[in-house]
Amino acid sequence: VYKIDSLVLENGKIYGKNYVLGKMGLRTPSMQTY
């Protein structure tokens, strides 16, 4: 289990960080596995 404090998005030209977080349902910080 890994603690994820934030999200870094690379090459996101059309869809931004907030879109990605929303579609994934990811909240930071949170504990996650692969």
PDB file of all heavy atoms in Angstrom:
ATOM      1  N   VAL A   1       0.849  -1.185   0.000  1.00  0.00           N
ATOM      2  CA  VAL A   1       0.000   0.000   0.000  1.00  0.00           C
ATOM      3  C   VAL A   1       0.888   1.239   0.000  1.00  0.00           C
ATOM      4  O   VAL A   1       1.856   1.323   0.749  1.00  0.00           O
ATOM      5  CB  VAL A   1      -0.934   0.007   1.227  1.00  0.00           C
ATOM      6  CG1 VAL A   1      -1.803   1.254   1.244  1.00  0.00           C
ATOM      7  CG2 VAL A   1      -1.806  -1.249   1.228  1.00  0.00           C
ATOM      8  N   TYR A   2       0.559   2.200  -0.882  1.00  0.00           N
ATOM      9  CA  TYR A   2       1.351   3.410  -1.013  1.00  0.00           C
ATOM     10  C   TYR A   2       0.488   4.628  -0.714  1.00  0.00           C
ATOM     11  O   TYR A   2      -0.682   4.688  -1.120  1.00  0.00           O
ATOM     12  CB  TYR A   2       1.909   3.546  -2.440  1.00  0.00           C
ATOM     13  CG  TYR A   2       2.733   2.368  -2.892  1.00  0.00           C
ATOM     14  CD1 TYR A   2       2.135   1.256  -3.481  1.00  0.00           C
ATOM     15  CD2 TYR A   2       4.112   2.364  -2.728  1.00  0.00           C
ATOM     16  CE1 TYR A   2       2.890   0.175  -3.899  1.00  0.00           C
ATOM     17  CE2 TYR A   2       4.877   1.283  -3.154  1.00  0.00           C
ATOM     18  CZ  TYR A   2       4.257   0.190  -3.731  1.00  0.00           C
ATOM     19  OH  TYR A   2       5.003  -0.880  -4.145  1.00  0.00           O
ATOM     20  N   LYS A   3       1.063   5.590  -0.035  1.00  0.00           N
ATOM     21  CA  LYS A   3       0.375   6.853   0.154  1.00  0.00           C
ATOM     22  C   LYS A   3       0.648   7.737  -1.060  1.00  0.00           C
ATOM     23  O   LYS A   3       1.798   7.936  -1.451  1.00  0.00           O
ATOM     24  CB  LYS A   3       0.866   7.562   1.420  1.00  0.00           C
ATOM     25  CG  LYS A   3       0.117   8.862   1.698  1.00  0.00           C
ATOM     26  CD  LYS A   3       0.676   9.590   2.910  1.00  0.00           C
ATOM     27  CE  LYS A   3      -0.091  10.891   3.138  1.00  0.00           C
ATOM     28  NZ  LYS A   3       0.501  11.708   4.218  1.00  0.00           N
ATOM     29  N   ILE A   4      -0.430   8.244  -1.660  1.00  0.00           N
ATOM     30  CA  ILE A   4      -0.306   9.139  -2.816  1.00  0.00           C
ATOM     31  C   ILE A   4      -0.753  10.527  -2.384  1.00  0.00           C
ATOM     32  O   ILE A   4      -1.916  10.739  -2.044  1.00  0.00           O
ATOM     33  CB  ILE A   4      -1.138   8.621  -4.009  1.00  0.00           C
ATOM     34  CG1 ILE A   4      -0.564   7.281  -4.484  1.00  0.00           C
ATOM     35  CG2 ILE A   4      -1.141   9.637  -5.147  1.00  0.00           C
ATOM     36  CD1 ILE A   4      -1.310   6.654  -5.624  1.00  0.00           C
ATOM     37  N   ASP A   5       0.186  11.461  -2.395  1.00  0.00           N
ATOM     38  CA  ASP A   5      -0.091  12.823  -1.935  1.00  0.00           C
ATOM     39  C   ASP A   5      -0.620  13.727  -3.034  1.00  0.00           C
ATOM     40  O   ASP A   5      -1.355  14.678  -2.756  1.00  0.00           O
ATOM     41  CB  ASP A   5       1.190  13.447  -1.344  1.00  0.00           C
ATOM     42  CG  ASP A   5       1.678  12.685  -0.115  1.00  0.00           C
ATOM     43  OD1 ASP A   5       0.895  12.556   0.831  1.00  0.00           O
ATOM     44  OD2 ASP A   5       2.832  12.214  -0.128  1.00  0.00           O
ATOM     45  N   SER A   6      -0.247  13.449  -4.288  1.00  0.00           N
ATOM     46  CA  SER A   6      -0.672  14.337  -5.366  1.00  0.00           C
ATOM     47  C   SER A   6      -0.591  13.610  -6.703  1.00  0.00           C
ATOM     48  O   SER A   6      -0.079  12.483  -6.795  1.00  0.00           O
ATOM     49  CB  SER A   6       0.204  15.595  -5.410  1.00  0.00           C
ATOM     50  OG  SER A   6       1.568  15.246  -5.632  1.00  0.00           O
ATOM     51  N   LEU A   7      -1.101  14.274  -7.736  1.00  0.00           N
ATOM     52  CA  LEU A   7      -1.079  13.743  -9.089  1.00  0.00           C
ATOM     53  C   LEU A   7      -0.259  14.670  -9.986  1.00  0.00           C
ATOM     54  O   LEU A   7      -0.420  15.887  -9.944  1.00  0.00           O
ATOM     55  CB  LEU A   7      -2.508  13.641  -9.642  1.00  0.00           C
ATOM     56  CG  LEU A   7      -2.643  13.271 -11.124  1.00  0.00           C
ATOM     57  CD1 LEU A   7      -2.305  11.806 -11.340  1.00  0.00           C
ATOM     58  CD2 LEU A   7      -4.039  13.579 -11.645  1.00  0.00           C
ATOM     59  N   VAL A   8       0.631  14.074 -10.784  1.00  0.00           N
ATOM     60  CA  VAL A   8       1.380  14.823 -11.792  1.00  0.00           C
ATOM     61  C   VAL A   8       0.964  14.289 -13.153  1.00  0.00           C
ATOM     62  O   VAL A   8       1.079  13.086 -13.426  1.00  0.00           O
ATOM     63  CB  VAL A   8       2.907  14.667 -11.593  1.00  0.00           C
ATOM     64  CG1 VAL A   8       3.655  15.313 -12.750  1.00  0.00           C
ATOM     65  CG2 VAL A   8       3.334  15.275 -10.269  1.00  0.00           C
ATOM     66  N   LEU A   9       0.439  15.156 -14.016  1.00  0.00           N
ATOM     67  CA  LEU A   9      -0.048  14.763 -15.340  1.00  0.00           C
ATOM     68  C   LEU A   9       0.918  15.249 -16.411  1.00  0.00           C
ATOM     69  O   LEU A   9       1.257  16.432 -16.460  1.00  0.00           O
ATOM     70  CB  LEU A   9      -1.445  15.358 -15.575  1.00  0.00           C
ATOM     71  CG  LEU A   9      -2.085  15.082 -16.936  1.00  0.00           C
ATOM     72  CD1 LEU A   9      -2.359  13.589 -17.110  1.00  0.00           C
ATOM     73  CD2 LEU A   9      -3.370  15.894 -17.100  1.00  0.00           C
ATOM     74  N   GLU A  10       1.353  14.333 -17.277  1.00  0.00           N
ATOM     75  CA  GLU A  10       2.256  14.688 -18.375  1.00  0.00           C
ATOM     76  C   GLU A  10       1.555  14.503 -19.717  1.00  0.00           C
ATOM     77  O   GLU A  10       0.853  13.520 -19.927  1.00  0.00           O
ATOM     78  CB  GLU A  10       3.528  13.829 -18.326  1.00  0.00           C
ATOM     79  CG  GLU A  10       4.393  14.085 -17.099  1.00  0.00           C
ATOM     80  CD  GLU A  10       5.703  13.316 -17.127  1.00  0.00           C
ATOM     81  OE1 GLU A  10       5.902  12.522 -18.077  1.00  0.00           O
ATOM     82  OE2 GLU A  10       6.521  13.515 -16.219  1.00  0.00           O
ATOM     83  N   ASN A  11       1.747  15.452 -20.626  1.00  0.00           N
ATOM     84  CA  ASN A  11       1.224  15.428 -21.997  1.00  0.00           C
ATOM     85  C   ASN A  11      -0.282  15.639 -22.069  1.00  0.00           C
ATOM     86  O   ASN A  11      -0.899  15.347 -23.105  1.00  0.00           O
ATOM     87  CB  ASN A  11       1.589  14.122 -22.724  1.00  0.00           C
ATOM     88  CG  ASN A  11       3.074  13.868 -22.744  1.00  0.00           C
ATOM     89  OD1 ASN A  11       3.867  14.799 -22.822  1.00  0.00           O
ATOM     90  ND2 ASN A  11       3.468  12.610 -22.659  1.00  0.00           N
ATOM     91  N   GLY A  12      -0.900  16.113 -20.994  1.00  0.00           N
ATOM     92  CA  GLY A  12      -2.335  16.381 -21.005  1.00  0.00           C
ATOM     93  C   GLY A  12      -2.631  17.725 -21.659  1.00  0.00           C
ATOM     94  O   GLY A  12      -2.662  18.750 -20.979  1.00  0.00           O
ATOM     95  N   LYS A  13      -2.863  17.719 -22.971  1.00  0.00           N
ATOM     96  CA  LYS A  13      -3.068  18.969 -23.715  1.00  0.00           C
ATOM     97  C   LYS A  13      -4.546  19.346 -23.807  1.00  0.00           C
ATOM     98  O   LYS A  13      -4.903  20.512 -23.761  1.00  0.00           O
ATOM     99  CB  LYS A  13      -2.472  18.842 -25.118  1.00  0.00           C
ATOM    100  CG  LYS A  13      -0.971  18.573 -25.117  1.00  0.00           C
ATOM    101  CD  LYS A  13      -0.451  18.328 -26.521  1.00  0.00           C
ATOM    102  CE  LYS A  13       1.045  18.003 -26.490  1.00  0.00           C
ATOM    103  NZ  LYS A  13       1.559  17.687 -27.856  1.00  0.00           N
ATOM    104  N   ILE A  14      -5.416  18.355 -23.948  1.00  0.00           N
ATOM    105  CA  ILE A  14      -6.849  18.624 -24.096  1.00  0.00           C
ATOM    106  C   ILE A  14      -7.564  18.506 -22.749  1.00  0.00           C
ATOM    107  O   ILE A  14      -8.393  19.347 -22.394  1.00  0.00           O
ATOM    108  CB  ILE A  14      -7.486  17.652 -25.114  1.00  0.00           C
ATOM    109  CG1 ILE A  14      -6.782  17.777 -26.482  1.00  0.00           C
ATOM    110  CG2 ILE A  14      -8.981  17.915 -25.261  1.00  0.00           C
ATOM    111  CD1 ILE A  14      -7.250  16.758 -27.505  1.00  0.00           C
ATOM    112  N   TYR A  15      -7.243  17.460 -22.000  1.00  0.00           N
ATOM    113  CA  TYR A  15      -7.912  17.189 -20.731  1.00  0.00           C
ATOM    114  C   TYR A  15      -6.932  17.420 -19.590  1.00  0.00           C
ATOM    115  O   TYR A  15      -5.858  16.822 -19.541  1.00  0.00           O
ATOM    116  CB  TYR A  15      -8.443  15.748 -20.709  1.00  0.00           C
ATOM    117  CG  TYR A  15      -9.332  15.448 -21.891  1.00  0.00           C
ATOM    118  CD1 TYR A  15      -8.819  14.813 -23.018  1.00  0.00           C
ATOM    119  CD2 TYR A  15     -10.666  15.832 -21.889  1.00  0.00           C
ATOM    120  CE1 TYR A  15      -9.618  14.553 -24.112  1.00  0.00           C
ATOM    121  CE2 TYR A  15     -11.480  15.577 -22.981  1.00  0.00           C
ATOM    122  CZ  TYR A  15     -10.952  14.942 -24.098  1.00  0.00           C
ATOM    123  OH  TYR A  15     -11.752  14.687 -25.176  1.00  0.00           O
ATOM    124  N   GLY A  16      -7.327  18.282 -18.657  1.00  0.00           N
ATOM    125  CA  GLY A  16      -6.437  18.692 -17.588  1.00  0.00           C
ATOM    126  C   GLY A  16      -6.458  17.792 -16.376  1.00  0.00           C
ATOM    127  O   GLY A  16      -7.129  16.756 -16.327  1.00  0.00           O
ATOM    128  N   LYS A  17      -5.742  18.229 -15.365  1.00  0.00           N
ATOM    129  CA  LYS A  17      -5.550  17.461 -14.139  1.00  0.00           C
ATOM    130  C   LYS A  17      -6.864  17.213 -13.406  1.00  0.00           C
ATOM    131  O   LYS A  17      -7.117  16.102 -12.929  1.00  0.00           O
ATOM    132  CB  LYS A  17      -4.556  18.199 -13.252  1.00  0.00           C
ATOM    133  CG  LYS A  17      -4.250  17.523 -11.931  1.00  0.00           C
ATOM    134  CD  LYS A  17      -3.197  18.334 -11.181  1.00  0.00           C
ATOM    135  CE  LYS A  17      -2.959  17.768  -9.787  1.00  0.00           C
ATOM    136  NZ  LYS A  17      -1.930  18.539  -9.061  1.00  0.00           N
ATOM    137  N   ASN A  18      -7.723  18.220 -13.323  1.00  0.00           N
ATOM    138  CA  ASN A  18      -8.991  18.060 -12.606  1.00  0.00           C
ATOM    139  C   ASN A  18      -9.902  17.049 -13.302  1.00  0.00           C
ATOM    140  O   ASN A  18     -10.605  16.278 -12.644  1.00  0.00           O
ATOM    141  CB  ASN A  18      -9.701  19.403 -12.476  1.00  0.00           C
ATOM    142  CG  ASN A  18      -8.990  20.331 -11.498  1.00  0.00           C
ATOM    143  OD1 ASN A  18      -8.273  19.864 -10.609  1.00  0.00           O
ATOM    144  ND2 ASN A  18      -9.179  21.631 -11.659  1.00  0.00           N
ATOM    145  N   TYR A  19      -9.889  17.057 -14.648  1.00  0.00           N
ATOM    146  CA  TYR A  19     -10.668  16.079 -15.411  1.00  0.00           C
ATOM    147  C   TYR A  19     -10.195  14.662 -15.095  1.00  0.00           C
ATOM    148  O   TYR A  19     -10.994  13.758 -14.846  1.00  0.00           O
ATOM    149  CB  TYR A  19     -10.527  16.358 -16.903  1.00  0.00           C
ATOM    150  CG  TYR A  19     -11.182  15.335 -17.801  1.00  0.00           C
ATOM    151  CD1 TYR A  19     -12.514  15.435 -18.150  1.00  0.00           C
ATOM    152  CD2 TYR A  19     -10.447  14.254 -18.301  1.00  0.00           C
ATOM    153  CE1 TYR A  19     -13.119  14.492 -18.974  1.00  0.00           C
ATOM    154  CE2 TYR A  19     -11.031  13.304 -19.123  1.00  0.00           C
ATOM    155  CZ  TYR A  19     -12.371  13.435 -19.456  1.00  0.00           C
ATOM    156  OH  TYR A  19     -12.961  12.484 -20.257  1.00  0.00           O
ATOM    157  N   VAL A  20      -8.878  14.490 -15.081  1.00  0.00           N
ATOM    158  CA  VAL A  20      -8.298  13.165 -14.825  1.00  0.00           C
ATOM    159  C   VAL A  20      -8.643  12.687 -13.417  1.00  0.00           C
ATOM    160  O   VAL A  20      -9.068  11.541 -13.212  1.00  0.00           O
ATOM    161  CB  VAL A  20      -6.767  13.205 -15.033  1.00  0.00           C
ATOM    162  CG1 VAL A  20      -6.118  11.924 -14.533  1.00  0.00           C
ATOM    163  CG2 VAL A  20      -6.443  13.434 -16.503  1.00  0.00           C
ATOM    164  N   LEU A  21      -8.479  13.556 -12.435  1.00  0.00           N
ATOM    165  CA  LEU A  21      -8.812  13.201 -11.052  1.00  0.00           C
ATOM    166  C   LEU A  21     -10.272  12.801 -10.928  1.00  0.00           C
ATOM    167  O   LEU A  21     -10.617  11.819 -10.253  1.00  0.00           O
ATOM    168  CB  LEU A  21      -8.500  14.365 -10.115  1.00  0.00           C
ATOM    169  CG  LEU A  21      -7.028  14.617  -9.788  1.00  0.00           C
ATOM    170  CD1 LEU A  21      -6.860  15.966  -9.095  1.00  0.00           C
ATOM    171  CD2 LEU A  21      -6.461  13.501  -8.916  1.00  0.00           C
ATOM    172  N   GLY A  22     -11.155  13.569 -11.598  1.00  0.00           N
ATOM    173  CA  GLY A  22     -12.584  13.286 -11.512  1.00  0.00           C
ATOM    174  C   GLY A  22     -12.955  11.963 -12.152  1.00  0.00           C
ATOM    175  O   GLY A  22     -13.715  11.171 -11.575  1.00  0.00           O
ATOM    176  N   LYS A  23     -12.448  11.696 -13.340  1.00  0.00           N
ATOM    177  CA  LYS A  23     -12.775  10.449 -14.037  1.00  0.00           C
ATOM    178  C   LYS A  23     -12.209   9.230 -13.299  1.00  0.00           C
ATOM    179  O   LYS A  23     -12.811   8.157 -13.293  1.00  0.00           O
ATOM    180  CB  LYS A  23     -12.240  10.485 -15.465  1.00  0.00           C
ATOM    181  CG  LYS A  23     -12.990  11.446 -16.377  1.00  0.00           C
ATOM    182  CD  LYS A  23     -14.452  11.063 -16.504  1.00  0.00           C
ATOM    183  CE  LYS A  23     -15.215  12.016 -17.410  1.00  0.00           C
ATOM    184  NZ  LYS A  23     -16.655  11.676 -17.475  1.00  0.00           N
ATOM    185  N   MET A  24     -11.039   9.388 -12.697  1.00  0.00           N
ATOM    186  CA  MET A  24     -10.439   8.279 -11.946  1.00  0.00           C
ATOM    187  C   MET A  24     -11.116   8.069 -10.593  1.00  0.00           C
ATOM    188  O   MET A  24     -11.082   6.979 -10.048  1.00  0.00           O
ATOM    189  CB  MET A  24      -8.939   8.541 -11.736  1.00  0.00           C
ATOM    190  CG  MET A  24      -8.097   8.441 -12.977  1.00  0.00           C
ATOM    191  SD  MET A  24      -6.356   8.846 -12.642  1.00  0.00           S
ATOM    192  CE  MET A  24      -5.919   7.578 -11.434  1.00  0.00           C
ATOM    193  N   GLY A  25     -11.708   9.133 -10.071  1.00  0.00           N
ATOM    194  CA  GLY A  25     -12.256   9.048  -8.720  1.00  0.00           C
ATOM    195  C   GLY A  25     -11.150   9.022  -7.674  1.00  0.00           C
ATOM    196  O   GLY A  25     -11.300   8.418  -6.609  1.00  0.00           O
ATOM    197  N   LEU A  26     -10.045   9.695  -7.977  1.00  0.00           N
ATOM    198  CA  LEU A  26      -8.894   9.689  -7.071  1.00  0.00           C
ATOM    199  C   LEU A  26      -8.924  10.919  -6.178  1.00  0.00           C
ATOM    200  O   LEU A  26      -9.053  12.052  -6.653  1.00  0.00           O
ATOM    201  CB  LEU A  26      -7.586   9.679  -7.876  1.00  0.00           C
ATOM    202  CG  LEU A  26      -6.286   9.838  -7.072  1.00  0.00           C
ATOM    203  CD1 LEU A  26      -6.105   8.658  -6.117  1.00  0.00           C
ATOM    204  CD2 LEU A  26      -5.090   9.975  -8.004  1.00  0.00           C
ATOM    205  N   ARG A  27      -8.807  10.674  -4.878  1.00  0.00           N
ATOM    206  CA  ARG A  27      -8.674  11.773  -3.927  1.00  0.00           C
ATOM    207  C   ARG A  27      -7.278  11.734  -3.330  1.00  0.00           C
ATOM    208  O   ARG A  27      -6.749  10.657  -3.053  1.00  0.00           O
ATOM    209  CB  ARG A  27      -9.723  11.654  -2.815  1.00  0.00           C
ATOM    210  CG  ARG A  27     -11.163  11.842  -3.312  1.00  0.00           C
ATOM    211  CD  ARG A  27     -12.135  11.832  -2.155  1.00  0.00           C
ATOM    212  NE  ARG A  27     -13.495  12.061  -2.609  1.00  0.00           N
ATOM    213  CZ  ARG A  27     -14.542  12.161  -1.792  1.00  0.00           C
ATOM    214  NH1 ARG A  27     -14.361  12.048  -0.476  1.00  0.00           N
ATOM    215  NH2 ARG A  27     -15.761  12.365  -2.279  1.00  0.00           N
ATOM    216  N   THR A  28      -6.707  12.892  -3.189  1.00  0.00           N
ATOM    217  CA  THR A  28      -5.364  12.959  -2.593  1.00  0.00           C
ATOM    218  C   THR A  28      -5.409  13.837  -1.349  1.00  0.00           C
ATOM    219  O   THR A  28      -6.119  14.845  -1.316  1.00  0.00           O
ATOM    220  CB  THR A  28      -4.359  13.556  -3.598  1.00  0.00           C
ATOM    221  OG1 THR A  28      -4.815  14.837  -4.037  1.00  0.00           O
ATOM    222  CG2 THR A  28      -4.186  12.645  -4.789  1.00  0.00           C
ATOM    223  N   PRO A  29      -4.659  13.456  -0.310  1.00  0.00           N
ATOM    224  CA  PRO A  29      -3.867  12.221  -0.205  1.00  0.00           C
ATOM    225  C   PRO A  29      -4.762  11.015   0.073  1.00  0.00           C
ATOM    226  O   PRO A  29      -5.836  11.151   0.654  1.00  0.00           O
ATOM    227  CB  PRO A  29      -2.938  12.521   0.974  1.00  0.00           C
ATOM    228  CG  PRO A  29      -3.722  13.453   1.829  1.00  0.00           C
ATOM    229  CD  PRO A  29      -4.519  14.308   0.893  1.00  0.00           C
ATOM    230  N   SER A  30      -4.300   9.843  -0.340  1.00  0.00           N
ATOM    231  CA  SER A  30      -5.018   8.593  -0.066  1.00  0.00           C
ATOM    232  C   SER A  30      -4.043   7.425  -0.152  1.00  0.00           C
ATOM    233  O   SER A  30      -2.947   7.558  -0.693  1.00  0.00           O
ATOM    234  CB  SER A  30      -6.170   8.399  -1.047  1.00  0.00           C
ATOM    235  OG  SER A  30      -5.686   8.282  -2.373  1.00  0.00           O
ATOM    236  N   MET A  31      -4.460   6.280   0.376  1.00  0.00           N
ATOM    237  CA  MET A  31      -3.642   5.060   0.343  1.00  0.00           C
ATOM    238  C   MET A  31      -4.118   4.196  -0.822  1.00  0.00           C
ATOM    239  O   MET A  31      -5.319   3.927  -0.947  1.00  0.00           O
ATOM    240  CB  MET A  31      -3.749   4.299   1.665  1.00  0.00           C
ATOM    241  CG  MET A  31      -3.414   5.132   2.904  1.00  0.00           C
ATOM    242  SD  MET A  31      -1.733   5.783   2.907  1.00  0.00           S
ATOM    243  CE  MET A  31      -0.791   4.270   3.119  1.00  0.00           C
ATOM    244  N   GLN A  32      -3.189   3.764  -1.651  1.00  0.00           N
ATOM    245  CA  GLN A  32      -3.546   2.995  -2.842  1.00  0.00           C
ATOM    246  C   GLN A  32      -2.570   1.840  -3.048  1.00  0.00           C
ATOM    247  O   GLN A  32      -1.437   1.878  -2.571  1.00  0.00           O
ATOM    248  CB  GLN A  32      -3.521   3.894  -4.091  1.00  0.00           C
ATOM    249  CG  GLN A  32      -4.419   5.117  -4.026  1.00  0.00           C
ATOM    250  CD  GLN A  32      -5.887   4.786  -4.040  1.00  0.00           C
ATOM    251  OE1 GLN A  32      -6.292   3.682  -4.431  1.00  0.00           O
ATOM    252  NE2 GLN A  32      -6.717   5.734  -3.615  1.00  0.00           N
ATOM    253  N   THR A  33      -3.038   0.819  -3.771  1.00  0.00           N
ATOM    254  CA  THR A  33      -2.167  -0.255  -4.253  1.00  0.00           C
ATOM    255  C   THR A  33      -2.066  -0.125  -5.774  1.00  0.00           C
ATOM    256  O   THR A  33      -2.828   0.632  -6.397  1.00  0.00           O
ATOM    257  CB  THR A  33      -2.728  -1.646  -3.922  1.00  0.00           C
ATOM    258  OG1 THR A  33      -3.962  -1.828  -4.654  1.00  0.00           O
ATOM    259  CG2 THR A  33      -2.997  -1.787  -2.433  1.00  0.00           C
ATOM    260  N   TYR A  34      -1.154  -0.873  -6.383  1.00  0.00           N
ATOM    261  CA  TYR A  34      -1.078  -0.859  -7.844  1.00  0.00           C
ATOM    262  C   TYR A  34      -2.380  -1.383  -8.444  1.00  0.00           C
ATOM    263  O   TYR A  34      -2.824  -0.923  -9.500  1.00  0.00           O
ATOM    264  CB  TYR A  34       0.111  -1.700  -8.321  1.00  0.00           C
ATOM    265  CG  TYR A  34       1.389  -0.905  -8.416  1.00  0.00           C
ATOM    266  CD1 TYR A  34       2.210  -0.743  -7.309  1.00  0.00           C
ATOM    267  CD2 TYR A  34       1.767  -0.294  -9.606  1.00  0.00           C
ATOM    268  CE1 TYR A  34       3.383  -0.006  -7.388  1.00  0.00           C
ATOM    269  CE2 TYR A  34       2.943   0.444  -9.699  1.00  0.00           C
ATOM    270  CZ  TYR A  34       3.741   0.587  -8.584  1.00  0.00           C
ATOM    271  OH  TYR A  34       4.893   1.326  -8.668  1.00  0.00           O
TER     272      TYR A  34
END
